[in-house]
Amino acid sequence: MASALDGMGWRLRLLIRRQPPRLLLANQSPEVVIGDLGDNEALGRLVEGADAVLHVAGVVKALDREGFMRGNAEPTGRLAAIAARQATPPHFVLMSSLAAREPALSPYCASKRAGEDALKAAAGAMAWTILRPTAVYGPGDRELLPFFKTVKRGFAPRPPGAIQRLSLIHVEDLGRFAAASAGLAAAKGQTWELDDGAADGHGWAELTAAAAAALGTHPKTVTIPKLLLKATAQANALKAAWTGKPQMLVPHKLPEMLHADWLCHHRPPASLGTKWEPKWAIGPGFADTVRWYRREGWL
């Protein structure tokens, strides 16, 4: 995402918790503000004089509902309020999630919708755009790594329930879309869902075939019994309670996993031009992901 903004000529200022190794961009070295989303002073320095704010931070795991709200909703409202108080408020772009469309499904979904509501409540006259990507994959992603590892071992997991197809998006396309929306007049006041352009999403057979081709395997499809999912989720919940470390697959995550509709329905209009057209289809995208996993020693 930083690379996409850099390539479009934006001067970057980043909020990070600690000084990282030098971030290599083609055109610049970004300005760094050390702090976190609970540090109002750091947030003030972050947004001072900014033309646009791109808020991409959040949590996908937490111990309870309050943890999700602290990670997703409260920081969004705090940052939006500070940005809105600037003499010339920036265009605030929130990276939300398709999960926000279904706030009743889980604490995570509720927290993403609450973050969107917090932005709108704090914005006042400040321009805003909300982006709701579907499942994101690609270099750097850890959430789909277990799926690729299972396919590598010769098994293609298929969840039970009504879900048949879902939308995905490669992280590079998501970064370009987010960068393109900053400062774009047509994006202001819009809530858009983002995917790879496949109108009907992807079925499990297609996802398995793409992963298998990238890995060079011939897996057998295995449907995961709902009872096994529930038992694993309960075990993970006990582990989280014992260790204090959040787990991804816990009971409140199951309604998300088994939800029947994770397709995008409200995409950016084609009239916005080529910057909003995805480049990565699922086959090349999965191959790119596997190359990165192998290079990093994850596979």
Protein backbone atom coordinates (compact mmCIF):
# COMPACT_ATOMS: atom_id res chain seq x y z
CA MET A 1 0.00 0.00 0.00
CA ALA A 2 2.85 2.37 0.84
CA SER A 3 4.45 1.49 -2.49
CA ALA A 4 1.22 2.26 -4.34
CA LEU A 5 0.93 5.67 -2.69
CA ASP A 6 4.61 6.34 -3.34
CA GLY A 7 4.16 5.52 -7.00
CA MET A 8 1.26 7.96 -7.26
CA GLY A 9 3.38 10.80 -5.90
CA TRP A 10 2.01 11.02 -2.34
CA ARG A 11 4.45 12.10 0.38
CA LEU A 12 4.04 9.58 3.19
CA ARG A 13 3.88 9.94 6.95
CA LEU A 14 3.49 6.66 8.83
CA LEU A 15 2.35 5.90 12.39
CA ILE A 16 4.32 2.96 13.80
CA ARG A 17 4.95 1.64 17.31
CA ARG A 18 8.73 1.44 16.98
CA GLN A 19 11.37 2.51 14.50
CA PRO A 20 11.46 -0.18 11.79
CA PRO A 21 14.22 -1.15 9.41
CA ARG A 22 14.38 1.35 6.56
CA LEU A 23 11.28 1.13 4.38
CA LEU A 24 12.46 0.95 0.78
CA LEU A 25 10.29 2.90 -1.63
CA ALA A 26 11.07 3.93 -5.17
CA ASN A 27 10.77 7.67 -4.70
CA GLN A 28 11.20 8.62 -1.06
CA SER A 29 11.90 7.79 2.55
CA PRO A 30 8.64 8.26 4.47
CA GLU A 31 8.35 10.43 7.55
CA VAL A 32 7.77 8.33 10.66
CA VAL A 33 5.68 9.16 13.75
CA ILE A 34 6.41 6.85 16.67
CA GLY A 35 3.30 6.02 18.67
CA ASP A 36 0.08 4.04 18.54
CA LEU A 37 -3.64 4.61 18.04
CA GLY A 38 -4.12 5.36 21.74
CA ASP A 39 -1.60 8.23 21.69
CA ASN A 40 -3.51 11.43 20.89
CA GLU A 41 -0.33 13.49 20.65
CA ALA A 42 1.14 11.12 18.08
CA LEU A 43 -2.13 11.09 16.16
CA GLY A 44 -2.11 14.87 16.08
CA ARG A 45 1.40 14.89 14.61
CA LEU A 46 0.34 12.21 12.14
CA VAL A 47 -2.56 14.12 10.59
CA GLU A 48 -1.22 17.70 10.87
CA GLY A 49 -1.27 19.28 7.42
CA ALA A 50 -2.25 16.01 5.72
CA ASP A 51 -4.29 16.02 2.52
CA ALA A 52 -5.50 12.47 3.13
CA VAL A 53 -5.51 9.94 5.95
CA LEU A 54 -5.54 6.24 5.10
CA HIS A 55 -6.50 4.21 8.18
CA VAL A 56 -5.64 0.55 7.66
CA ALA A 57 -4.89 -0.65 11.21
CA GLY A 58 -7.16 -3.09 13.03
CA VAL A 59 -7.41 -6.47 14.73
CA VAL A 60 -8.79 -9.76 13.44
CA LYS A 61 -8.34 -11.64 16.75
CA ALA A 62 -9.34 -10.61 20.26
CA LEU A 63 -10.29 -12.31 23.50
CA ASP A 64 -13.79 -10.81 23.64
CA ARG A 65 -16.17 -8.28 22.11
CA GLU A 66 -14.60 -5.43 24.06
CA GLY A 67 -11.20 -6.35 22.65
CA PHE A 68 -12.52 -6.08 19.11
CA MET A 69 -14.10 -2.72 19.87
CA ARG A 70 -10.85 -1.45 21.39
CA GLY A 71 -8.93 -2.61 18.35
CA ASN A 72 -11.30 -1.59 15.54
CA ALA A 73 -13.98 0.88 16.58
CA GLU A 74 -12.48 3.13 19.24
CA PRO A 75 -9.22 3.97 17.42
CA THR A 76 -11.13 4.81 14.24
CA GLY A 77 -13.35 7.29 16.06
CA ARG A 78 -10.37 8.81 17.90
CA LEU A 79 -8.28 9.27 14.75
CA ALA A 80 -11.24 10.60 12.76
CA ALA A 81 -12.08 13.15 15.46
CA ILE A 82 -8.49 14.45 15.56
CA ALA A 83 -8.35 14.62 11.76
CA ALA A 84 -11.69 16.44 11.58
CA ARG A 85 -10.40 19.15 13.94
CA GLN A 86 -7.63 20.17 11.55
CA ALA A 87 -7.88 23.64 10.02
CA THR A 88 -8.22 21.95 6.63
CA PRO A 89 -9.55 18.45 7.30
CA PRO A 90 -8.07 15.67 5.16
CA HIS A 91 -9.91 13.13 3.07
CA PHE A 92 -10.25 10.20 5.50
CA VAL A 93 -10.15 6.75 3.86
CA LEU A 94 -11.08 3.86 6.16
CA MET A 95 -10.02 0.33 5.30
CA SER A 96 -12.96 -1.55 6.79
CA SER A 97 -14.07 -5.06 5.82
CA LEU A 98 -16.89 -6.81 4.02
CA ALA A 99 -17.64 -8.21 7.48
CA ALA A 100 -19.09 -4.80 8.40
CA ARG A 101 -22.05 -5.63 6.15
CA GLU A 102 -23.14 -8.30 8.65
CA PRO A 103 -22.66 -6.78 12.13
CA ALA A 104 -24.94 -9.31 13.84
CA LEU A 105 -22.78 -12.29 12.84
CA SER A 106 -19.90 -11.89 15.28
CA PRO A 107 -18.04 -9.47 17.57
CA TYR A 108 -15.51 -8.89 14.80
CA CYS A 109 -18.21 -7.98 12.27
CA ALA A 110 -19.88 -5.71 14.84
CA SER A 111 -16.60 -3.93 15.58
CA LYS A 112 -15.94 -3.22 11.90
CA ARG A 113 -19.41 -1.70 11.47
CA ALA A 114 -18.90 0.26 14.70
CA GLY A 115 -15.66 1.63 13.27
CA GLU A 116 -17.52 2.86 10.19
CA ASP A 117 -20.20 4.45 12.37
CA ALA A 118 -17.53 6.09 14.55
CA LEU A 119 -15.94 7.65 11.48
CA LYS A 120 -19.25 9.07 10.26
CA ALA A 121 -20.11 10.40 13.72
CA ALA A 122 -16.76 12.16 14.11
CA ALA A 123 -16.31 13.40 10.54
CA GLY A 124 -18.57 16.44 10.51
CA ALA A 125 -17.64 18.27 7.30
CA MET A 126 -14.56 16.08 6.71
CA ALA A 127 -14.72 14.03 3.53
CA TRP A 128 -14.57 10.27 4.02
CA THR A 129 -14.53 7.05 2.04
CA ILE A 130 -15.11 3.54 3.39
CA LEU A 131 -13.57 0.55 1.62
CA ARG A 132 -14.84 -2.94 2.41
CA PRO A 133 -12.44 -5.53 1.01
CA THR A 134 -13.40 -9.17 1.02
CA ALA A 135 -10.86 -11.85 2.05
CA VAL A 136 -7.36 -10.53 1.34
CA TYR A 137 -4.52 -12.82 0.29
CA GLY A 138 -1.01 -12.41 -1.10
CA PRO A 139 2.52 -11.74 0.14
CA GLY A 140 2.53 -11.05 3.87
CA ASP A 141 -0.80 -12.74 4.61
CA ARG A 142 -0.80 -15.38 7.35
CA GLU A 143 -4.54 -16.10 7.57
CA LEU A 144 -4.70 -18.30 4.44
CA LEU A 145 -1.35 -19.97 5.16
CA PRO A 146 -3.01 -22.98 6.91
CA PHE A 147 -5.14 -23.53 3.78
CA PHE A 148 -2.05 -23.63 1.55
CA LYS A 149 -0.22 -25.89 4.01
CA THR A 150 -3.13 -28.34 4.02
CA VAL A 151 -3.30 -28.41 0.22
CA LYS A 152 0.46 -28.98 0.11
CA ARG A 153 -0.05 -32.05 2.32
CA GLY A 154 -2.53 -33.45 -0.21
CA PHE A 155 -5.86 -32.44 1.28
CA ALA A 156 -8.30 -29.75 0.16
CA PRO A 157 -10.43 -28.61 3.12
CA ARG A 158 -14.02 -27.64 2.42
CA PRO A 159 -16.16 -26.09 5.17
CA PRO A 160 -19.67 -27.39 5.80
CA GLY A 161 -22.82 -25.35 5.51
CA ALA A 162 -24.47 -23.16 2.94
CA ILE A 163 -21.45 -21.18 1.72
CA GLN A 164 -20.64 -22.08 -1.88
CA ARG A 165 -18.77 -19.10 -3.31
CA LEU A 166 -16.83 -16.17 -1.92
CA SER A 167 -14.92 -13.14 -3.18
CA LEU A 168 -11.20 -12.55 -2.69
CA ILE A 169 -8.71 -9.80 -3.50
CA HIS A 170 -4.92 -9.76 -3.87
CA VAL A 171 -3.18 -7.42 -1.45
CA GLU A 172 -1.48 -5.49 -4.28
CA ASP A 173 -4.83 -4.69 -5.91
CA LEU A 174 -6.23 -3.65 -2.55
CA GLY A 175 -3.29 -1.31 -2.03
CA ARG A 176 -3.77 0.29 -5.44
CA PHE A 177 -7.49 0.76 -4.85
CA ALA A 178 -6.92 2.35 -1.47
CA ALA A 179 -4.22 4.65 -2.83
CA ALA A 180 -6.40 5.66 -5.77
CA SER A 181 -9.32 6.59 -3.50
CA ALA A 182 -7.32 9.12 -1.45
CA GLY A 183 -8.25 12.55 -2.70
CA LEU A 184 -10.58 11.25 -5.39
CA ALA A 185 -13.68 13.44 -5.45
CA ALA A 186 -15.94 10.65 -6.73
CA ALA A 187 -14.95 8.47 -3.77
CA LYS A 188 -16.00 10.94 -1.08
CA GLY A 189 -19.01 9.84 0.94
CA GLN A 190 -18.95 6.37 -0.66
CA THR A 191 -18.87 2.89 0.85
CA TRP A 192 -17.48 0.42 -1.67
CA GLU A 193 -16.88 -3.32 -1.57
CA LEU A 194 -13.65 -4.50 -3.19
CA ASP A 195 -12.77 -7.83 -4.82
CA ASP A 196 -10.81 -9.22 -7.77
CA GLY A 197 -13.56 -8.51 -10.30
CA ALA A 198 -14.97 -12.03 -10.47
CA ALA A 199 -18.69 -11.22 -10.47
CA ASP A 200 -19.75 -14.57 -9.01
CA GLY A 201 -16.75 -14.99 -6.72
CA HIS A 202 -14.94 -18.31 -6.46
CA GLY A 203 -16.09 -21.80 -5.55
CA TRP A 204 -14.09 -24.10 -3.31
CA ALA A 205 -13.15 -26.33 -6.25
CA GLU A 206 -11.67 -23.32 -8.06
CA LEU A 207 -9.74 -22.18 -5.00
CA THR A 208 -8.41 -25.69 -4.43
CA ALA A 209 -7.37 -26.08 -8.08
CA ALA A 210 -5.54 -22.73 -8.05
CA ALA A 211 -3.72 -23.58 -4.81
CA ALA A 212 -2.86 -27.08 -6.05
CA ALA A 213 -1.49 -25.71 -9.33
CA ALA A 214 0.66 -23.20 -7.46
CA LEU A 215 1.96 -25.90 -5.12
CA GLY A 216 2.27 -28.72 -7.67
CA THR A 217 0.03 -31.10 -5.70
CA HIS A 218 -3.10 -33.16 -6.39
CA PRO A 219 -5.14 -32.92 -3.17
CA LYS A 220 -8.20 -34.87 -2.18
CA THR A 221 -11.23 -32.84 -1.12
CA VAL A 222 -12.19 -33.31 2.53
CA THR A 223 -15.35 -31.72 3.96
CA ILE A 224 -14.75 -30.62 7.53
CA PRO A 225 -17.61 -31.85 9.77
CA LYS A 226 -19.38 -29.06 11.60
CA LEU A 227 -18.92 -30.92 14.89
CA LEU A 228 -15.15 -30.96 14.36
CA LEU A 229 -15.16 -27.22 13.66
CA LYS A 230 -17.14 -26.60 16.83
CA ALA A 231 -14.87 -28.83 18.90
CA THR A 232 -11.75 -27.12 17.55
CA ALA A 233 -13.27 -23.70 18.21
CA GLN A 234 -14.09 -24.66 21.80
CA ALA A 235 -10.59 -26.00 22.36
CA ASN A 236 -9.10 -22.78 20.98
CA ALA A 237 -11.35 -20.73 23.25
CA LEU A 238 -10.05 -22.64 26.27
CA LYS A 239 -6.48 -22.12 25.05
CA ALA A 240 -7.11 -18.37 24.66
CA ALA A 241 -8.58 -18.15 28.16
CA TRP A 242 -5.63 -20.06 29.62
CA THR A 243 -2.84 -18.23 27.78
CA GLY A 244 -4.43 -14.80 27.34
CA LYS A 245 -3.51 -14.98 23.63
CA PRO A 246 -6.39 -14.59 21.13
CA GLN A 247 -7.04 -17.43 18.68
CA MET A 248 -8.54 -17.09 15.21
CA LEU A 249 -10.94 -20.06 15.18
CA VAL A 250 -13.15 -19.68 18.25
CA PRO A 251 -16.94 -20.20 18.65
CA HIS A 252 -17.92 -16.63 17.78
CA LYS A 253 -16.00 -16.95 14.48
CA LEU A 254 -18.07 -19.88 13.22
CA PRO A 255 -21.07 -17.81 12.05
CA GLU A 256 -18.68 -15.83 9.83
CA MET A 257 -17.13 -18.99 8.39
CA LEU A 258 -20.50 -20.57 7.66
CA HIS A 259 -22.26 -17.45 6.37
CA ALA A 260 -23.81 -18.04 2.95
CA ASP A 261 -22.96 -14.75 1.21
CA TRP A 262 -19.44 -13.32 1.13
CA LEU A 263 -19.72 -11.91 -2.39
CA CYS A 264 -19.20 -8.23 -3.14
CA HIS A 265 -22.33 -6.41 -4.32
CA HIS A 266 -21.40 -2.72 -4.33
CA ARG A 267 -18.15 -2.31 -6.25
CA PRO A 268 -16.66 1.01 -7.39
CA PRO A 269 -18.17 2.03 -10.75
CA ALA A 270 -16.19 1.20 -13.88
CA SER A 271 -16.28 4.89 -14.82
CA LEU A 272 -13.55 5.56 -12.24
CA GLY A 273 -11.00 4.15 -14.69
CA THR A 274 -8.12 1.73 -14.82
CA LYS A 275 -6.76 2.43 -11.33
CA TRP A 276 -9.78 0.59 -9.95
CA GLU A 277 -9.46 -2.43 -12.22
CA PRO A 278 -7.95 -5.49 -10.49
CA LYS A 279 -4.83 -7.00 -12.06
CA TRP A 280 -4.60 -10.28 -10.14
CA ALA A 281 -6.82 -13.23 -11.07
CA ILE A 282 -6.95 -16.10 -8.61
CA GLY A 283 -4.53 -18.39 -10.48
CA PRO A 284 -1.61 -15.97 -10.84
CA GLY A 285 -2.47 -14.48 -7.46
CA PHE A 286 -2.18 -17.80 -5.63
CA ALA A 287 1.07 -18.55 -7.51
CA ASP A 288 2.46 -15.19 -6.37
CA THR A 289 1.42 -15.95 -2.80
CA VAL A 290 3.06 -19.38 -2.80
CA ARG A 291 6.30 -17.94 -4.19
CA TRP A 292 6.38 -15.46 -1.34
CA TYR A 293 5.59 -18.11 1.29
CA ARG A 294 8.43 -20.27 -0.01
CA ARG A 295 10.88 -17.36 -0.17
CA GLU A 296 10.10 -16.53 3.47
CA GLY A 297 10.36 -20.16 4.54
CA TRP A 298 6.69 -20.44 5.50
CA LEU A 299 6.03 -23.35 3.14
